[in-house]
């Protein structure tokens, strides 16, 4: 399944993360003229990566 952008979500928690400048530039170019924020793009990209990883490399999520 291809990565597809979705509208923004509501429930969130703040986390601080540092991005290399070249990656920020690429993300901002990808979301230009889209109805998607930087944060939403990163969240969706992380979800896509986790959903498509080899299952034996994942650590179970506990809350």
PDB file of N, CA and C in Angstrom:
ATOM      1  N   UNK A   1       0.843  -1.173   0.000  1.00  0.00           N
ATOM      2  CA  UNK A   1       0.000   0.000   0.000  1.00  0.00           C
ATOM      3  C   UNK A   1       0.893   1.243   0.000  1.00  0.00           C
ATOM      4  N   UNK A   2       0.568   2.197  -0.810  1.00  0.00           N
ATOM      5  CA  UNK A   2       1.349   3.435  -0.911  1.00  0.00           C
ATOM      6  C   UNK A   2       1.009   4.375   0.233  1.00  0.00           C
ATOM      7  N   UNK A   3       1.979   5.188   0.600  1.00  0.00           N
ATOM      8  CA  UNK A   3       1.788   6.196   1.644  1.00  0.00           C
ATOM      9  C   UNK A   3       0.881   7.285   1.109  1.00  0.00           C
ATOM     10  N   UNK A   4      -0.220   7.555   1.826  1.00  0.00           N
ATOM     11  CA  UNK A   4      -1.152   8.592   1.400  1.00  0.00           C
ATOM     12  C   UNK A   4      -1.410   9.539   2.564  1.00  0.00           C
ATOM     13  N   UNK A   5      -1.388  10.830   2.300  1.00  0.00           N
ATOM     14  CA  UNK A   5      -1.621  11.834   3.329  1.00  0.00           C
ATOM     15  C   UNK A   5      -3.086  11.871   3.734  1.00  0.00           C
ATOM     16  N   UNK A   6      -3.322  12.036   5.050  1.00  0.00           N
ATOM     17  CA  UNK A   6      -4.670  12.134   5.598  1.00  0.00           C
ATOM     18  C   UNK A   6      -4.808  13.469   6.321  1.00  0.00           C
ATOM     19  N   UNK A   7      -6.026  13.923   6.554  1.00  0.00           N
ATOM     20  CA  UNK A   7      -6.223  15.171   7.304  1.00  0.00           C
ATOM     21  C   UNK A   7      -5.632  15.069   8.714  1.00  0.00           C
ATOM     22  N   UNK A   8      -5.459  16.221   9.373  1.00  0.00           N
ATOM     23  CA  UNK A   8      -4.887  16.262  10.716  1.00  0.00           C
ATOM     24  C   UNK A   8      -5.738  15.503  11.726  1.00  0.00           C
ATOM     25  N   UNK A   9      -5.083  15.026  12.784  1.00  0.00           N
ATOM     26  CA  UNK A   9      -5.765  14.322  13.869  1.00  0.00           C
ATOM     27  C   UNK A   9      -5.869  15.233  15.075  1.00  0.00           C
ATOM     28  N   UNK A  10      -6.591  14.817  16.109  1.00  0.00           N
ATOM     29  CA  UNK A  10      -6.845  15.669  17.266  1.00  0.00           C
ATOM     30  C   UNK A  10      -6.002  15.314  18.493  1.00  0.00           C
ATOM     31  N   UNK A  11      -6.137  14.105  19.050  1.00  0.00           N
ATOM     32  CA  UNK A  11      -5.500  13.739  20.314  1.00  0.00           C
ATOM     33  C   UNK A  11      -3.984  13.672  20.164  1.00  0.00           C
ATOM     34  N   UNK A  12      -3.264  14.506  20.928  1.00  0.00           N
ATOM     35  CA  UNK A  12      -1.813  14.560  20.789  1.00  0.00           C
ATOM     36  C   UNK A  12      -1.116  14.757  22.123  1.00  0.00           C
ATOM     37  N   UNK A  13       0.181  14.553  22.110  1.00  0.00           N
ATOM     38  CA  UNK A  13       1.062  14.844  23.238  1.00  0.00           C
ATOM     39  C   UNK A  13       2.331  15.440  22.652  1.00  0.00           C
ATOM     40  N   UNK A  14       2.866  16.464  23.273  1.00  0.00           N
ATOM     41  CA  UNK A  14       4.072  17.109  22.756  1.00  0.00           C
ATOM     42  C   UNK A  14       5.317  16.273  23.019  1.00  0.00           C
ATOM     43  N   UNK A  15       6.162  16.155  22.010  1.00  0.00           N
ATOM     44  CA  UNK A  15       7.473  15.531  22.093  1.00  0.00           C
ATOM     45  C   UNK A  15       8.438  16.433  21.339  1.00  0.00           C
ATOM     46  N   UNK A  16       9.658  16.525  21.817  1.00  0.00           N
ATOM     47  CA  UNK A  16      10.662  17.313  21.125  1.00  0.00           C
ATOM     48  C   UNK A  16      11.566  16.374  20.357  1.00  0.00           C
ATOM     49  N   UNK A  17      11.784  16.686  19.095  1.00  0.00           N
ATOM     50  CA  UNK A  17      12.636  15.858  18.242  1.00  0.00           C
ATOM     51  C   UNK A  17      13.433  16.783  17.328  1.00  0.00           C
ATOM     52  N   UNK A  18      14.670  16.433  17.095  1.00  0.00           N
ATOM     53  CA  UNK A  18      15.524  17.237  16.212  1.00  0.00           C
ATOM     54  C   UNK A  18      15.602  16.548  14.846  1.00  0.00           C
ATOM     55  N   UNK A  19      15.412  17.347  13.802  1.00  0.00           N
ATOM     56  CA  UNK A  19      15.475  16.846  12.434  1.00  0.00           C
ATOM     57  C   UNK A  19      16.668  17.471  11.723  1.00  0.00           C
ATOM     58  N   UNK A  20      17.349  16.715  10.898  1.00  0.00           N
ATOM     59  CA  UNK A  20      18.378  17.335  10.051  1.00  0.00           C
ATOM     60  C   UNK A  20      17.692  18.343   9.115  1.00  0.00           C
ATOM     61  N   UNK A  21      18.365  19.454   8.864  1.00  0.00           N
ATOM     62  CA  UNK A  21      17.780  20.523   8.045  1.00  0.00           C
ATOM     63  C   UNK A  21      17.381  20.015   6.668  1.00  0.00           C
ATOM     64  N   UNK A  22      18.199  19.157   6.062  1.00  0.00           N
ATOM     65  CA  UNK A  22      17.856  18.658   4.718  1.00  0.00           C
ATOM     66  C   UNK A  22      16.562  17.844   4.738  1.00  0.00           C
ATOM     67  N   UNK A  23      16.280  17.145   5.844  1.00  0.00           N
ATOM     68  CA  UNK A  23      15.043  16.375   5.942  1.00  0.00           C
ATOM     69  C   UNK A  23      13.842  17.309   6.127  1.00  0.00           C
ATOM     70  N   UNK A  24      14.007  18.347   6.906  1.00  0.00           N
ATOM     71  CA  UNK A  24      12.950  19.350   7.070  1.00  0.00           C
ATOM     72  C   UNK A  24      12.602  19.958   5.714  1.00  0.00           C
ATOM     73  N   UNK A  25      13.630  20.287   4.944  1.00  0.00           N
ATOM     74  CA  UNK A  25      13.400  20.877   3.618  1.00  0.00           C
ATOM     75  C   UNK A  25      12.623  19.922   2.722  1.00  0.00           C
ATOM     76  N   UNK A  26      12.964  18.641   2.754  1.00  0.00           N
ATOM     77  CA  UNK A  26      12.266  17.648   1.924  1.00  0.00           C
ATOM     78  C   UNK A  26      10.808  17.485   2.354  1.00  0.00           C
ATOM     79  N   UNK A  27      10.583  17.432   3.663  1.00  0.00           N
ATOM     80  CA  UNK A  27       9.216  17.286   4.170  1.00  0.00           C
ATOM     81  C   UNK A  27       8.388  18.508   3.806  1.00  0.00           C
ATOM     82  N   UNK A  28       8.941  19.691   4.023  1.00  0.00           N
ATOM     83  CA  UNK A  28       8.200  20.914   3.698  1.00  0.00           C
ATOM     84  C   UNK A  28       7.878  20.992   2.207  1.00  0.00           C
ATOM     85  N   UNK A  29       8.778  20.520   1.365  1.00  0.00           N
ATOM     86  CA  UNK A  29       8.496  20.495  -0.076  1.00  0.00           C
ATOM     87  C   UNK A  29       7.380  19.499  -0.392  1.00  0.00           C
ATOM     88  N   UNK A  30       7.382  18.355   0.297  1.00  0.00           N
ATOM     89  CA  UNK A  30       6.368  17.321   0.045  1.00  0.00           C
ATOM     90  C   UNK A  30       4.974  17.761   0.468  1.00  0.00           C
ATOM     91  N   UNK A  31       4.871  18.583   1.517  1.00  0.00           N
ATOM     92  CA  UNK A  31       3.547  18.987   2.008  1.00  0.00           C
ATOM     93  C   UNK A  31       3.091  20.341   1.472  1.00  0.00           C
ATOM     94  N   UNK A  32       3.948  20.977   0.674  1.00  0.00           N
ATOM     95  CA  UNK A  32       3.570  22.261   0.090  1.00  0.00           C
ATOM     96  C   UNK A  32       2.300  22.103  -0.734  1.00  0.00           C
ATOM     97  N   UNK A  33       1.354  23.006  -0.524  1.00  0.00           N
ATOM     98  CA  UNK A  33       0.054  23.002  -1.215  1.00  0.00           C
ATOM     99  C   UNK A  33      -0.806  21.791  -0.859  1.00  0.00           C
ATOM    100  N   UNK A  34      -0.485  21.133   0.245  1.00  0.00           N
ATOM    101  CA  UNK A  34      -1.305  20.032   0.754  1.00  0.00           C
ATOM    102  C   UNK A  34      -1.991  20.528   2.021  1.00  0.00           C
ATOM    103  N   UNK A  35      -3.071  19.910   2.394  1.00  0.00           N
ATOM    104  CA  UNK A  35      -3.776  20.283   3.628  1.00  0.00           C
ATOM    105  C   UNK A  35      -3.254  19.418   4.782  1.00  0.00           C
ATOM    106  N   UNK A  36      -1.916  19.468   4.988  1.00  0.00           N
ATOM    107  CA  UNK A  36      -1.249  18.628   5.988  1.00  0.00           C
ATOM    108  C   UNK A  36      -0.168  19.458   6.672  1.00  0.00           C
ATOM    109  N   UNK A  37      -0.116  19.382   8.004  1.00  0.00           N
ATOM    110  CA  UNK A  37       0.933  20.079   8.738  1.00  0.00           C
ATOM    111  C   UNK A  37       2.201  19.228   8.773  1.00  0.00           C
ATOM    112  N   UNK A  38       3.296  19.858   9.157  1.00  0.00           N
ATOM    113  CA  UNK A  38       4.563  19.143   9.303  1.00  0.00           C
ATOM    114  C   UNK A  38       4.401  17.993  10.291  1.00  0.00           C
ATOM    115  N   UNK A  39       3.800  18.298  11.441  1.00  0.00           N
ATOM    116  CA  UNK A  39       3.611  17.271  12.475  1.00  0.00           C
ATOM    117  C   UNK A  39       2.759  16.116  11.973  1.00  0.00           C
ATOM    118  N   UNK A  40       1.681  16.445  11.290  1.00  0.00           N
ATOM    119  CA  UNK A  40       0.801  15.397  10.764  1.00  0.00           C
ATOM    120  C   UNK A  40       1.535  14.505   9.771  1.00  0.00           C
ATOM    121  N   UNK A  41       2.348  15.108   8.918  1.00  0.00           N
ATOM    122  CA  UNK A  41       3.128  14.327   7.964  1.00  0.00           C
ATOM    123  C   UNK A  41       4.057  13.365   8.691  1.00  0.00           C
ATOM    124  N   UNK A  42       4.763  13.863   9.706  1.00  0.00           N
ATOM    125  CA  UNK A  42       5.718  13.027  10.442  1.00  0.00           C
ATOM    126  C   UNK A  42       4.992  11.887  11.155  1.00  0.00           C
ATOM    127  N   UNK A  43       3.852  12.186  11.770  1.00  0.00           N
ATOM    128  CA  UNK A  43       3.070  11.143  12.444  1.00  0.00           C
ATOM    129  C   UNK A  43       2.640  10.076  11.449  1.00  0.00           C
ATOM    130  N   UNK A  44       2.112  10.508  10.311  1.00  0.00           N
ATOM    131  CA  UNK A  44       1.656   9.556   9.300  1.00  0.00           C
ATOM    132  C   UNK A  44       2.815   8.731   8.734  1.00  0.00           C
ATOM    133  N   UNK A  45       3.961   9.357   8.539  1.00  0.00           N
ATOM    134  CA  UNK A  45       5.129   8.639   8.033  1.00  0.00           C
ATOM    135  C   UNK A  45       5.598   7.594   9.047  1.00  0.00           C
ATOM    136  N   UNK A  46       5.578   7.946  10.324  1.00  0.00           N
ATOM    137  CA  UNK A  46       5.963   6.992  11.371  1.00  0.00           C
ATOM    138  C   UNK A  46       4.981   5.822  11.433  1.00  0.00           C
ATOM    139  N   UNK A  47       3.682   6.123  11.359  1.00  0.00           N
ATOM    140  CA  UNK A  47       2.670   5.063  11.359  1.00  0.00           C
ATOM    141  C   UNK A  47       2.862   4.133  10.161  1.00  0.00           C
ATOM    142  N   UNK A  48       3.116   4.717   9.003  1.00  0.00           N
ATOM    143  CA  UNK A  48       3.340   3.921   7.791  1.00  0.00           C
ATOM    144  C   UNK A  48       4.569   3.023   7.960  1.00  0.00           C
ATOM    145  N   UNK A  49       5.646   3.591   8.496  1.00  0.00           N
ATOM    146  CA  UNK A  49       6.870   2.813   8.705  1.00  0.00           C
ATOM    147  C   UNK A  49       6.624   1.664   9.671  1.00  0.00           C
ATOM    148  N   UNK A  50       5.940   1.939  10.774  1.00  0.00           N
ATOM    149  CA  UNK A  50       5.658   0.885  11.758  1.00  0.00           C
ATOM    150  C   UNK A  50       4.753  -0.196  11.187  1.00  0.00           C
ATOM    151  N   UNK A  51       3.750   0.194  10.418  1.00  0.00           N
ATOM    152  CA  UNK A  51       2.836  -0.779   9.815  1.00  0.00           C
ATOM    153  C   UNK A  51       3.510  -1.647   8.769  1.00  0.00           C
ATOM    154  N   UNK A  52       4.614  -1.176   8.211  1.00  0.00           N
ATOM    155  CA  UNK A  52       5.260  -1.903   7.120  1.00  0.00           C
ATOM    156  C   UNK A  52       6.624  -2.486   7.497  1.00  0.00           C
ATOM    157  N   UNK A  53       6.948  -2.476   8.777  1.00  0.00           N
ATOM    158  CA  UNK A  53       8.200  -3.086   9.238  1.00  0.00           C
ATOM    159  C   UNK A  53       8.035  -4.600   9.334  1.00  0.00           C
ATOM    160  N   UNK A  54       9.163  -5.283   9.303  1.00  0.00           N
ATOM    161  CA  UNK A  54       9.149  -6.719   9.561  1.00  0.00           C
ATOM    162  C   UNK A  54       8.613  -6.918  10.975  1.00  0.00           C
ATOM    163  N   UNK A  55       7.661  -7.819  11.147  1.00  0.00           N
ATOM    164  CA  UNK A  55       7.022  -7.979  12.452  1.00  0.00           C
ATOM    165  C   UNK A  55       7.969  -8.502  13.524  1.00  0.00           C
ATOM    166  N   UNK A  56       9.007  -9.242  13.170  1.00  0.00           N
ATOM    167  CA  UNK A  56       9.914  -9.782  14.190  1.00  0.00           C
ATOM    168  C   UNK A  56      10.882  -8.700  14.727  1.00  0.00           C
ATOM    169  N   UNK A  57      10.874  -7.508  14.141  1.00  0.00           N
ATOM    170  CA  UNK A  57      11.751  -6.437  14.635  1.00  0.00           C
ATOM    171  C   UNK A  57      11.007  -5.455  15.527  1.00  0.00           C
ATOM    172  N   UNK A  58       9.702  -5.618  15.630  1.00  0.00           N
ATOM    173  CA  UNK A  58       8.906  -4.680  16.437  1.00  0.00           C
ATOM    174  C   UNK A  58       8.904  -5.067  17.903  1.00  0.00           C
ATOM    175  N   UNK A  59       8.938  -4.057  18.751  1.00  0.00           N
ATOM    176  CA  UNK A  59       8.808  -4.243  20.198  1.00  0.00           C
ATOM    177  C   UNK A  59       7.351  -3.958  20.536  1.00  0.00           C
ATOM    178  N   UNK A  60       6.703  -4.830  21.297  1.00  0.00           N
ATOM    179  CA  UNK A  60       5.289  -4.576  21.626  1.00  0.00           C
ATOM    180  C   UNK A  60       5.120  -3.245  22.331  1.00  0.00           C
ATOM    181  N   UNK A  61       4.062  -2.534  21.971  1.00  0.00           N
ATOM    182  CA  UNK A  61       3.763  -1.225  22.553  1.00  0.00           C
ATOM    183  C   UNK A  61       2.955  -1.436  23.830  1.00  0.00           C
ATOM    184  N   UNK A  62       3.440  -0.891  24.926  1.00  0.00           N
ATOM    185  CA  UNK A  62       2.696  -0.961  26.187  1.00  0.00           C
ATOM    186  C   UNK A  62       2.411   0.439  26.658  1.00  0.00           C
ATOM    187  N   UNK A  63       1.274   0.599  27.320  1.00  0.00           N
ATOM    188  CA  UNK A  63       0.899   1.925  27.797  1.00  0.00           C
ATOM    189  C   UNK A  63       0.481   1.851  29.228  1.00  0.00           C
TER     190      UNK A  63
END
